[in-house]
Amino acid sequence: MLEWLVYILVLVGVFFLFIAAIGVVRMPDLYNRMHATSKAGTLGVGLILVAVAVFYQELSVAARALSTLAFIVLTAPVAAHALGRAAYLSGVKPCEDTYIDELAGHYQANHKLESVDTEATQRRI
């Protein structure tokens, strides 16, 4: 019975990794590709690591697998955000279907975020 749980976890994890791979090929721009890989890839790798922990049933293996899972869950969104911000500041344009660019006009030439309402910020300080 436990083997079936491992098979299901690995199969679902591989499915999500496959979805991430399709997202890299099919998405129109960098930002959508990063979204597909960071979400689906994290979930896929996470499920496979949980399957490893369940399959071996040893404390040392489970601790390593779950600590690796925690590291991936904590760092993948941060890395995707940093890459997306660097791409935006480098001038990588979103696809034509992106109607609203919420960051347009908010960054100075030195890449520091400008406040939209500086007077309200000054009053709060």
N, C-alpha and C. Protein backbone atom coordinates (compact mmCIF):
# COMPACT_ATOMS: atom_id res chain seq x y z
N MET A 1 0.82 -1.20 0.00
CA MET A 1 0.00 0.00 0.00
C MET A 1 0.86 1.26 0.00
N LEU A 2 1.96 1.22 0.75
CA LEU A 2 2.85 2.38 0.81
C LEU A 2 3.54 2.63 -0.53
N GLU A 3 3.81 1.53 -1.25
CA GLU A 3 4.43 1.68 -2.56
C GLU A 3 3.50 2.41 -3.53
N TRP A 4 2.21 2.17 -3.42
CA TRP A 4 1.26 2.85 -4.28
C TRP A 4 1.23 4.35 -3.99
N LEU A 5 1.35 4.71 -2.74
CA LEU A 5 1.41 6.13 -2.38
C LEU A 5 2.65 6.78 -3.00
N VAL A 6 3.77 6.07 -2.94
CA VAL A 6 5.01 6.59 -3.53
C VAL A 6 4.85 6.71 -5.05
N TYR A 7 4.27 5.70 -5.68
CA TYR A 7 4.06 5.76 -7.13
C TYR A 7 3.18 6.95 -7.52
N ILE A 8 2.13 7.15 -6.76
CA ILE A 8 1.21 8.25 -7.06
C ILE A 8 1.90 9.60 -6.86
N LEU A 9 2.67 9.74 -5.77
CA LEU A 9 3.38 11.00 -5.53
C LEU A 9 4.39 11.29 -6.63
N VAL A 10 5.14 10.26 -7.04
CA VAL A 10 6.13 10.46 -8.10
C VAL A 10 5.43 10.77 -9.42
N LEU A 11 4.36 10.07 -9.72
CA LEU A 11 3.65 10.29 -10.97
C LEU A 11 3.05 11.70 -11.04
N VAL A 12 2.45 12.15 -9.96
CA VAL A 12 1.89 13.51 -9.93
C VAL A 12 3.02 14.54 -9.99
N GLY A 13 4.14 14.27 -9.31
CA GLY A 13 5.29 15.17 -9.37
C GLY A 13 5.85 15.29 -10.77
N VAL A 14 5.98 14.15 -11.46
CA VAL A 14 6.47 14.16 -12.84
C VAL A 14 5.48 14.89 -13.75
N PHE A 15 4.19 14.73 -13.49
CA PHE A 15 3.18 15.45 -14.26
C PHE A 15 3.37 16.96 -14.14
N PHE A 16 3.58 17.44 -12.91
CA PHE A 16 3.77 18.88 -12.73
C PHE A 16 5.08 19.35 -13.35
N LEU A 17 6.13 18.54 -13.31
CA LEU A 17 7.37 18.90 -13.98
C LEU A 17 7.18 18.94 -15.49
N PHE A 18 6.37 18.03 -16.01
CA PHE A 18 6.05 18.04 -17.43
C PHE A 18 5.27 19.30 -17.81
N ILE A 19 4.34 19.69 -16.96
CA ILE A 19 3.59 20.93 -17.20
C ILE A 19 4.55 22.13 -17.20
N ALA A 20 5.53 22.13 -16.30
CA ALA A 20 6.51 23.21 -16.27
C ALA A 20 7.33 23.23 -17.55
N ALA A 21 7.71 22.05 -18.05
CA ALA A 21 8.47 21.99 -19.30
C ALA A 21 7.64 22.48 -20.48
N ILE A 22 6.37 22.12 -20.50
CA ILE A 22 5.50 22.63 -21.57
C ILE A 22 5.35 24.14 -21.45
N GLY A 23 5.29 24.65 -20.23
CA GLY A 23 5.18 26.09 -20.02
C GLY A 23 6.38 26.84 -20.56
N VAL A 24 7.56 26.25 -20.44
CA VAL A 24 8.77 26.90 -20.97
C VAL A 24 8.69 26.99 -22.50
N VAL A 25 8.16 25.96 -23.12
CA VAL A 25 8.10 25.94 -24.58
C VAL A 25 6.95 26.77 -25.12
N ARG A 26 5.81 26.75 -24.46
CA ARG A 26 4.59 27.33 -25.02
C ARG A 26 4.30 28.77 -24.61
N MET A 27 4.82 29.22 -23.50
CA MET A 27 4.49 30.57 -23.03
C MET A 27 5.16 31.62 -23.91
N PRO A 28 4.51 32.79 -24.09
CA PRO A 28 4.98 33.76 -25.07
C PRO A 28 6.17 34.61 -24.63
N ASP A 29 6.37 34.84 -23.35
CA ASP A 29 7.46 35.72 -22.94
C ASP A 29 8.13 35.20 -21.68
N LEU A 30 9.18 35.89 -21.29
CA LEU A 30 10.00 35.48 -20.15
C LEU A 30 9.19 35.43 -18.86
N TYR A 31 8.35 36.38 -18.65
CA TYR A 31 7.61 36.47 -17.38
C TYR A 31 6.63 35.31 -17.22
N ASN A 32 5.93 34.96 -18.28
CA ASN A 32 5.02 33.82 -18.22
C ASN A 32 5.79 32.51 -18.08
N ARG A 33 6.93 32.40 -18.74
CA ARG A 33 7.74 31.19 -18.61
C ARG A 33 8.26 31.01 -17.19
N MET A 34 8.69 32.10 -16.58
CA MET A 34 9.16 32.02 -15.19
C MET A 34 8.03 31.62 -14.26
N HIS A 35 6.85 32.13 -14.51
CA HIS A 35 5.70 31.79 -13.68
C HIS A 35 5.39 30.30 -13.78
N ALA A 36 5.40 29.77 -14.99
CA ALA A 36 5.09 28.35 -15.18
C ALA A 36 6.13 27.46 -14.52
N THR A 37 7.40 27.81 -14.69
CA THR A 37 8.43 26.94 -14.13
C THR A 37 8.53 27.06 -12.62
N SER A 38 8.35 28.24 -12.08
CA SER A 38 8.50 28.38 -10.62
C SER A 38 7.35 27.72 -9.88
N LYS A 39 6.14 27.84 -10.37
CA LYS A 39 4.99 27.25 -9.68
C LYS A 39 4.95 25.74 -9.87
N ALA A 40 4.88 25.30 -11.12
CA ALA A 40 4.73 23.87 -11.39
C ALA A 40 6.00 23.10 -11.05
N GLY A 41 7.15 23.68 -11.29
CA GLY A 41 8.40 23.00 -10.97
C GLY A 41 8.59 22.80 -9.48
N THR A 42 8.25 23.80 -8.70
CA THR A 42 8.36 23.67 -7.25
C THR A 42 7.42 22.60 -6.72
N LEU A 43 6.21 22.57 -7.22
CA LEU A 43 5.26 21.56 -6.77
C LEU A 43 5.69 20.17 -7.21
N GLY A 44 6.19 20.03 -8.43
CA GLY A 44 6.64 18.73 -8.93
C GLY A 44 7.82 18.19 -8.14
N VAL A 45 8.83 19.00 -7.94
CA VAL A 45 10.00 18.57 -7.16
C VAL A 45 9.60 18.29 -5.73
N GLY A 46 8.70 19.09 -5.18
CA GLY A 46 8.24 18.88 -3.81
C GLY A 46 7.56 17.54 -3.63
N LEU A 47 6.69 17.18 -4.57
CA LEU A 47 6.01 15.89 -4.47
C LEU A 47 6.98 14.73 -4.61
N ILE A 48 7.97 14.86 -5.47
CA ILE A 48 8.96 13.79 -5.62
C ILE A 48 9.80 13.67 -4.36
N LEU A 49 10.16 14.78 -3.74
CA LEU A 49 10.92 14.71 -2.49
C LEU A 49 10.10 14.11 -1.35
N VAL A 50 8.82 14.40 -1.31
CA VAL A 50 7.95 13.75 -0.31
C VAL A 50 7.88 12.25 -0.58
N ALA A 51 7.83 11.86 -1.85
CA ALA A 51 7.84 10.44 -2.19
C ALA A 51 9.13 9.76 -1.75
N VAL A 52 10.25 10.45 -1.88
CA VAL A 52 11.53 9.90 -1.41
C VAL A 52 11.50 9.69 0.10
N ALA A 53 10.99 10.67 0.82
CA ALA A 53 10.92 10.55 2.28
C ALA A 53 10.00 9.41 2.70
N VAL A 54 8.89 9.24 2.00
CA VAL A 54 7.96 8.16 2.34
C VAL A 54 8.55 6.81 1.97
N PHE A 55 9.23 6.72 0.85
CA PHE A 55 9.75 5.44 0.38
C PHE A 55 10.85 4.88 1.29
N TYR A 56 11.80 5.71 1.67
CA TYR A 56 12.93 5.21 2.45
C TYR A 56 12.61 5.04 3.93
N GLN A 57 11.72 5.80 4.47
CA GLN A 57 11.28 5.69 5.86
C GLN A 57 12.44 5.67 6.86
N GLU A 58 13.44 6.46 6.59
CA GLU A 58 14.55 6.64 7.52
C GLU A 58 14.60 8.12 7.89
N LEU A 59 14.95 8.36 9.13
CA LEU A 59 14.95 9.74 9.61
C LEU A 59 15.95 10.61 8.87
N SER A 60 17.14 10.07 8.59
CA SER A 60 18.16 10.89 7.93
C SER A 60 17.75 11.23 6.50
N VAL A 61 17.19 10.27 5.79
CA VAL A 61 16.76 10.52 4.41
C VAL A 61 15.57 11.48 4.40
N ALA A 62 14.63 11.27 5.30
CA ALA A 62 13.45 12.14 5.37
C ALA A 62 13.85 13.56 5.75
N ALA A 63 14.80 13.68 6.67
CA ALA A 63 15.24 15.02 7.08
C ALA A 63 15.91 15.75 5.92
N ARG A 64 16.74 15.03 5.17
CA ARG A 64 17.39 15.66 4.01
C ARG A 64 16.38 16.03 2.93
N ALA A 65 15.45 15.13 2.68
CA ALA A 65 14.45 15.39 1.63
C ALA A 65 13.56 16.57 2.02
N LEU A 66 13.12 16.60 3.26
CA LEU A 66 12.23 17.68 3.68
C LEU A 66 12.96 19.01 3.84
N SER A 67 14.25 18.96 4.23
CA SER A 67 15.00 20.22 4.30
C SER A 67 15.28 20.75 2.89
N THR A 68 15.52 19.84 1.95
CA THR A 68 15.67 20.26 0.55
C THR A 68 14.37 20.86 0.03
N LEU A 69 13.26 20.24 0.38
CA LEU A 69 11.95 20.76 -0.01
C LEU A 69 11.71 22.15 0.57
N ALA A 70 12.04 22.33 1.84
CA ALA A 70 11.87 23.65 2.46
C ALA A 70 12.75 24.69 1.78
N PHE A 71 13.98 24.32 1.44
CA PHE A 71 14.88 25.24 0.75
C PHE A 71 14.31 25.64 -0.61
N ILE A 72 13.80 24.68 -1.35
CA ILE A 72 13.25 24.97 -2.68
C ILE A 72 12.00 25.84 -2.57
N VAL A 73 11.13 25.51 -1.62
CA VAL A 73 9.89 26.29 -1.46
C VAL A 73 10.20 27.73 -1.05
N LEU A 74 11.25 27.93 -0.26
CA LEU A 74 11.59 29.28 0.18
C LEU A 74 12.37 30.08 -0.86
N THR A 75 13.18 29.41 -1.66
CA THR A 75 14.06 30.15 -2.57
C THR A 75 13.52 30.29 -3.99
N ALA A 76 12.70 29.38 -4.45
CA ALA A 76 12.22 29.45 -5.84
C ALA A 76 11.40 30.72 -6.11
N PRO A 77 10.47 31.11 -5.25
CA PRO A 77 9.74 32.36 -5.53
C PRO A 77 10.63 33.60 -5.47
N VAL A 78 11.59 33.60 -4.56
CA VAL A 78 12.50 34.75 -4.45
C VAL A 78 13.38 34.84 -5.69
N ALA A 79 13.88 33.70 -6.15
CA ALA A 79 14.71 33.70 -7.35
C ALA A 79 13.92 34.13 -8.57
N ALA A 80 12.69 33.66 -8.70
CA ALA A 80 11.85 34.06 -9.83
C ALA A 80 11.56 35.55 -9.79
N HIS A 81 11.31 36.08 -8.60
CA HIS A 81 11.06 37.52 -8.48
C HIS A 81 12.31 38.32 -8.85
N ALA A 82 13.46 37.89 -8.37
CA ALA A 82 14.70 38.60 -8.68
C ALA A 82 15.00 38.56 -10.18
N LEU A 83 14.80 37.41 -10.81
CA LEU A 83 15.03 37.32 -12.25
C LEU A 83 14.03 38.18 -13.03
N GLY A 84 12.78 38.17 -12.60
CA GLY A 84 11.78 38.99 -13.27
C GLY A 84 12.06 40.47 -13.13
N ARG A 85 12.47 40.88 -11.96
CA ARG A 85 12.80 42.30 -11.75
C ARG A 85 14.02 42.70 -12.57
N ALA A 86 15.04 41.84 -12.59
CA ALA A 86 16.23 42.13 -13.38
C ALA A 86 15.90 42.20 -14.87
N ALA A 87 15.03 41.31 -15.32
CA ALA A 87 14.62 41.34 -16.72
C ALA A 87 13.85 42.61 -17.03
N TYR A 88 12.96 43.00 -16.14
CA TYR A 88 12.18 44.23 -16.36
C TYR A 88 13.09 45.45 -16.41
N LEU A 89 14.03 45.52 -15.48
CA LEU A 89 14.93 46.67 -15.45
C LEU A 89 15.92 46.65 -16.61
N SER A 90 16.16 45.49 -17.20
CA SER A 90 17.03 45.39 -18.37
C SER A 90 16.30 45.73 -19.66
N GLY A 91 14.99 45.89 -19.57
CA GLY A 91 14.23 46.29 -20.74
C GLY A 91 13.55 45.16 -21.49
N VAL A 92 13.44 43.99 -20.89
CA VAL A 92 12.72 42.89 -21.54
C VAL A 92 11.24 43.21 -21.53
N LYS A 93 10.66 43.28 -22.70
CA LYS A 93 9.25 43.67 -22.83
C LYS A 93 8.34 42.45 -22.63
N PRO A 94 7.20 42.67 -21.98
CA PRO A 94 6.21 41.59 -21.89
C PRO A 94 5.54 41.37 -23.25
N CYS A 95 4.79 40.28 -23.37
CA CYS A 95 4.13 39.97 -24.64
C CYS A 95 3.07 41.02 -24.97
N GLU A 96 2.60 40.99 -26.20
CA GLU A 96 1.63 41.99 -26.66
C GLU A 96 0.30 41.87 -25.93
N ASP A 97 -0.01 40.71 -25.38
CA ASP A 97 -1.29 40.50 -24.69
C ASP A 97 -1.31 41.12 -23.29
N THR A 98 -0.18 41.62 -22.83
CA THR A 98 -0.13 42.27 -21.53
C THR A 98 -0.66 43.69 -21.69
N TYR A 99 -1.81 43.95 -21.11
CA TYR A 99 -2.46 45.23 -21.30
C TYR A 99 -2.01 46.28 -20.30
N ILE A 100 -1.72 45.87 -19.07
CA ILE A 100 -1.38 46.82 -18.02
C ILE A 100 0.04 46.56 -17.56
N ASP A 101 0.87 47.58 -17.64
CA ASP A 101 2.23 47.51 -17.10
C ASP A 101 2.23 48.32 -15.82
N GLU A 102 2.05 47.65 -14.70
CA GLU A 102 1.90 48.35 -13.42
C GLU A 102 3.20 48.98 -12.93
N LEU A 103 4.33 48.57 -13.48
CA LEU A 103 5.60 49.14 -13.03
C LEU A 103 6.09 50.28 -13.91
N ALA A 104 5.39 50.56 -14.99
CA ALA A 104 5.83 51.62 -15.90
C ALA A 104 5.85 52.96 -15.16
N GLY A 105 6.99 53.62 -15.20
CA GLY A 105 7.13 54.93 -14.59
C GLY A 105 7.43 54.91 -13.11
N HIS A 106 7.60 53.75 -12.51
CA HIS A 106 7.86 53.68 -11.08
C HIS A 106 9.35 53.53 -10.74
N TYR A 107 10.18 53.28 -11.74
CA TYR A 107 11.60 53.11 -11.47
C TYR A 107 12.38 54.27 -12.06
N GLN A 108 13.34 54.76 -11.28
CA GLN A 108 14.21 55.83 -11.75
C GLN A 108 15.32 55.21 -12.59
N ALA A 109 16.21 56.04 -13.08
CA ALA A 109 17.34 55.55 -13.86
C ALA A 109 18.28 54.71 -13.02
N ASN A 110 18.31 54.92 -11.70
CA ASN A 110 19.19 54.14 -10.84
C ASN A 110 18.50 52.89 -10.30
N HIS A 111 17.34 52.54 -10.85
CA HIS A 111 16.59 51.32 -10.52
C HIS A 111 16.04 51.30 -9.11
N LYS A 112 15.85 52.46 -8.51
CA LYS A 112 15.20 52.50 -7.20
C LYS A 112 13.72 52.76 -7.41
N LEU A 113 12.92 52.13 -6.60
CA LEU A 113 11.47 52.26 -6.72
C LEU A 113 11.05 53.64 -6.25
N GLU A 114 10.30 54.34 -7.11
CA GLU A 114 9.75 55.64 -6.73
C GLU A 114 8.37 55.42 -6.13
N SER A 115 8.07 56.18 -5.12
CA SER A 115 6.74 56.11 -4.54
C SER A 115 5.77 56.85 -5.43
N VAL A 116 4.57 56.32 -5.56
CA VAL A 116 3.56 56.97 -6.38
C VAL A 116 3.06 58.23 -5.71
N ASP A 117 2.86 58.18 -4.40
CA ASP A 117 2.33 59.31 -3.66
C ASP A 117 3.36 59.72 -2.61
N THR A 118 4.31 60.56 -3.00
CA THR A 118 5.38 60.93 -2.09
C THR A 118 4.90 61.84 -0.97
N GLU A 119 3.88 62.65 -1.22
CA GLU A 119 3.39 63.54 -0.17
C GLU A 119 2.73 62.76 0.96
N ALA A 120 1.97 61.74 0.62
CA ALA A 120 1.33 60.92 1.66
C ALA A 120 2.38 60.17 2.47
N THR A 121 3.44 59.75 1.81
CA THR A 121 4.52 59.06 2.52
C THR A 121 5.24 60.02 3.45
N GLN A 122 5.45 61.25 3.01
CA GLN A 122 6.13 62.24 3.83
C GLN A 122 5.30 62.57 5.07
N ARG A 123 3.98 62.63 4.94
CA ARG A 123 3.12 62.94 6.08
C ARG A 123 3.12 61.83 7.12
N ARG A 124 3.25 60.58 6.67
CA ARG A 124 3.24 59.47 7.63
C ARG A 124 4.52 59.40 8.44
N ILE A 125 5.59 59.94 7.94
CA ILE A 125 6.88 59.87 8.64
C ILE A 125 6.98 60.93 9.65
